[in-house]
Amino acid sequence: MRVLFERRLAGGLAFSCEGGPLGSLMLPLVWTDRGPAAASAPLSYEVLVELADVVAAVKTRHAG
């Protein structure tokens, strides 16, 4: 994913990335390979649930 810019948010650093046909999306630093050491699994269940929520919100925003 191409990073467009980074921004400091209340929860920490986040990256705005190209999201393809849905536009751009903001990813927290901890979801990327630029943050702390990776978890023992590529993605945890909790991160996948959060990602699904973000994708659903982006789809809803662009559906109207």
N, C-alpha and C. Protein backbone atom coordinates (compact mmCIF):
# COMPACT_ATOMS: atom_id res chain seq x y z
N MET A 1 0.83 -1.16 0.00
CA MET A 1 0.00 0.00 0.00
C MET A 1 0.88 1.24 0.00
N ARG A 2 0.54 2.21 -0.79
CA ARG A 2 1.32 3.44 -0.85
C ARG A 2 0.86 4.40 0.26
N VAL A 3 1.81 4.91 1.04
CA VAL A 3 1.52 5.88 2.09
C VAL A 3 1.46 7.26 1.45
N LEU A 4 0.35 7.97 1.71
CA LEU A 4 0.18 9.31 1.17
C LEU A 4 0.76 10.36 2.12
N PHE A 5 0.47 10.22 3.42
CA PHE A 5 1.02 11.11 4.44
C PHE A 5 0.83 10.47 5.80
N GLU A 6 1.46 11.04 6.81
CA GLU A 6 1.28 10.55 8.17
C GLU A 6 0.71 11.67 9.02
N ARG A 7 0.01 11.27 10.09
CA ARG A 7 -0.64 12.25 10.96
C ARG A 7 -0.60 11.76 12.39
N ARG A 8 -0.39 12.68 13.30
CA ARG A 8 -0.46 12.35 14.73
C ARG A 8 -1.90 12.51 15.17
N LEU A 9 -2.46 11.43 15.72
CA LEU A 9 -3.82 11.44 16.23
C LEU A 9 -3.78 11.20 17.73
N ALA A 10 -4.92 11.30 18.39
CA ALA A 10 -4.98 11.10 19.83
C ALA A 10 -4.41 9.73 20.22
N GLY A 11 -4.63 8.72 19.38
CA GLY A 11 -4.16 7.37 19.67
C GLY A 11 -2.72 7.11 19.25
N GLY A 12 -2.07 8.10 18.63
CA GLY A 12 -0.69 7.94 18.17
C GLY A 12 -0.57 8.23 16.69
N LEU A 13 0.54 7.83 16.11
CA LEU A 13 0.82 8.08 14.71
C LEU A 13 -0.02 7.17 13.82
N ALA A 14 -0.50 7.73 12.70
CA ALA A 14 -1.28 6.95 11.73
C ALA A 14 -0.85 7.35 10.33
N PHE A 15 -1.06 6.46 9.37
CA PHE A 15 -0.69 6.70 7.98
C PHE A 15 -1.94 6.71 7.11
N SER A 16 -2.04 7.70 6.25
CA SER A 16 -3.08 7.73 5.24
C SER A 16 -2.54 6.98 4.03
N CYS A 17 -3.26 5.96 3.58
CA CYS A 17 -2.79 5.08 2.50
C CYS A 17 -3.81 5.05 1.37
N GLU A 18 -3.32 4.78 0.17
CA GLU A 18 -4.21 4.58 -0.96
C GLU A 18 -5.08 3.37 -0.69
N GLY A 19 -6.38 3.51 -0.92
CA GLY A 19 -7.30 2.41 -0.67
C GLY A 19 -7.96 1.87 -1.93
N GLY A 20 -7.39 2.18 -3.08
CA GLY A 20 -7.97 1.69 -4.33
C GLY A 20 -9.25 2.43 -4.67
N PRO A 21 -10.24 1.73 -5.20
CA PRO A 21 -11.47 2.38 -5.65
C PRO A 21 -12.27 3.02 -4.52
N LEU A 22 -12.03 2.62 -3.28
CA LEU A 22 -12.77 3.20 -2.15
C LEU A 22 -12.15 4.48 -1.63
N GLY A 23 -11.04 4.92 -2.20
CA GLY A 23 -10.38 6.14 -1.74
C GLY A 23 -9.20 5.82 -0.86
N SER A 24 -8.97 6.66 0.12
CA SER A 24 -7.85 6.45 1.04
C SER A 24 -8.37 5.98 2.39
N LEU A 25 -7.46 5.40 3.19
CA LEU A 25 -7.83 4.99 4.53
C LEU A 25 -6.67 5.27 5.47
N MET A 26 -7.03 5.48 6.73
CA MET A 26 -6.04 5.80 7.76
C MET A 26 -5.75 4.54 8.56
N LEU A 27 -4.47 4.17 8.64
CA LEU A 27 -4.06 2.99 9.39
C LEU A 27 -3.18 3.40 10.56
N PRO A 28 -3.49 2.90 11.76
CA PRO A 28 -2.62 3.19 12.90
C PRO A 28 -1.23 2.59 12.67
N LEU A 29 -0.23 3.21 13.22
CA LEU A 29 1.15 2.76 13.10
C LEU A 29 1.30 1.29 13.49
N VAL A 30 0.62 0.87 14.55
CA VAL A 30 0.76 -0.51 15.04
C VAL A 30 0.24 -1.54 14.05
N TRP A 31 -0.53 -1.15 13.04
CA TRP A 31 -1.03 -2.07 12.03
C TRP A 31 -0.06 -2.24 10.88
N THR A 32 1.05 -1.52 10.90
CA THR A 32 1.99 -1.54 9.78
C THR A 32 3.30 -2.18 10.18
N ASP A 33 4.19 -2.34 9.21
CA ASP A 33 5.53 -2.86 9.49
C ASP A 33 6.48 -1.75 9.92
N ARG A 34 5.98 -0.55 10.08
CA ARG A 34 6.81 0.59 10.48
C ARG A 34 6.79 0.82 11.98
N GLY A 35 6.00 0.07 12.68
CA GLY A 35 5.86 0.25 14.12
C GLY A 35 6.70 -0.72 14.91
N PRO A 36 6.23 -1.05 16.11
CA PRO A 36 6.94 -1.99 16.97
C PRO A 36 7.04 -3.37 16.32
N ALA A 37 7.79 -4.24 16.93
CA ALA A 37 7.98 -5.60 16.40
C ALA A 37 6.64 -6.27 16.14
N ALA A 38 6.60 -7.05 15.10
CA ALA A 38 5.36 -7.72 14.70
C ALA A 38 4.92 -8.74 15.74
N ALA A 39 3.63 -9.01 15.74
CA ALA A 39 3.08 -10.03 16.62
C ALA A 39 3.55 -11.40 16.14
N SER A 40 3.31 -12.42 16.94
CA SER A 40 3.75 -13.77 16.56
C SER A 40 2.99 -14.30 15.34
N ALA A 41 1.77 -13.79 15.13
CA ALA A 41 0.98 -14.15 13.94
C ALA A 41 0.90 -12.91 13.05
N PRO A 42 0.76 -13.11 11.72
CA PRO A 42 0.71 -11.95 10.82
C PRO A 42 -0.37 -10.95 11.21
N LEU A 43 -1.55 -11.41 11.53
CA LEU A 43 -2.64 -10.55 12.00
C LEU A 43 -3.38 -11.26 13.11
N SER A 44 -3.68 -10.52 14.17
CA SER A 44 -4.46 -11.13 15.24
C SER A 44 -5.95 -11.01 14.90
N TYR A 45 -6.76 -11.78 15.56
CA TYR A 45 -8.20 -11.74 15.37
C TYR A 45 -8.73 -10.34 15.64
N GLU A 46 -8.23 -9.70 16.69
CA GLU A 46 -8.70 -8.37 17.06
C GLU A 46 -8.41 -7.35 15.97
N VAL A 47 -7.23 -7.43 15.37
CA VAL A 47 -6.87 -6.49 14.30
C VAL A 47 -7.76 -6.73 13.08
N LEU A 48 -8.05 -7.97 12.76
CA LEU A 48 -8.92 -8.27 11.62
C LEU A 48 -10.33 -7.72 11.85
N VAL A 49 -10.83 -7.82 13.07
CA VAL A 49 -12.16 -7.27 13.39
C VAL A 49 -12.14 -5.75 13.22
N GLU A 50 -11.10 -5.08 13.72
CA GLU A 50 -10.99 -3.63 13.56
C GLU A 50 -10.88 -3.25 12.09
N LEU A 51 -10.11 -4.00 11.33
CA LEU A 51 -9.96 -3.73 9.90
C LEU A 51 -11.29 -3.88 9.18
N ALA A 52 -12.06 -4.91 9.51
CA ALA A 52 -13.38 -5.11 8.90
C ALA A 52 -14.30 -3.93 9.20
N ASP A 53 -14.23 -3.40 10.42
CA ASP A 53 -15.03 -2.22 10.78
C ASP A 53 -14.64 -1.01 9.95
N VAL A 54 -13.34 -0.82 9.75
CA VAL A 54 -12.85 0.31 8.95
C VAL A 54 -13.30 0.18 7.50
N VAL A 55 -13.16 -1.00 6.93
CA VAL A 55 -13.58 -1.21 5.54
C VAL A 55 -15.07 -0.99 5.39
N ALA A 56 -15.88 -1.47 6.34
CA ALA A 56 -17.33 -1.25 6.29
C ALA A 56 -17.66 0.23 6.36
N ALA A 57 -16.96 0.98 7.20
CA ALA A 57 -17.20 2.42 7.31
C ALA A 57 -16.83 3.14 6.02
N VAL A 58 -15.73 2.75 5.40
CA VAL A 58 -15.32 3.38 4.13
C VAL A 58 -16.35 3.07 3.05
N LYS A 59 -16.81 1.84 2.98
CA LYS A 59 -17.82 1.47 1.98
C LYS A 59 -19.09 2.27 2.18
N THR A 60 -19.52 2.41 3.43
CA THR A 60 -20.73 3.17 3.75
C THR A 60 -20.57 4.63 3.33
N ARG A 61 -19.41 5.20 3.60
CA ARG A 61 -19.15 6.60 3.28
C ARG A 61 -19.20 6.83 1.77
N HIS A 62 -18.73 5.85 1.00
CA HIS A 62 -18.67 6.01 -0.46
C HIS A 62 -19.91 5.49 -1.17
N ALA A 63 -20.81 4.84 -0.45
CA ALA A 63 -22.01 4.29 -1.08
C ALA A 63 -23.07 5.36 -1.33
N GLY A 64 -23.04 6.43 -0.53
CA GLY A 64 -24.08 7.46 -0.62
C GLY A 64 -23.83 8.39 -1.70
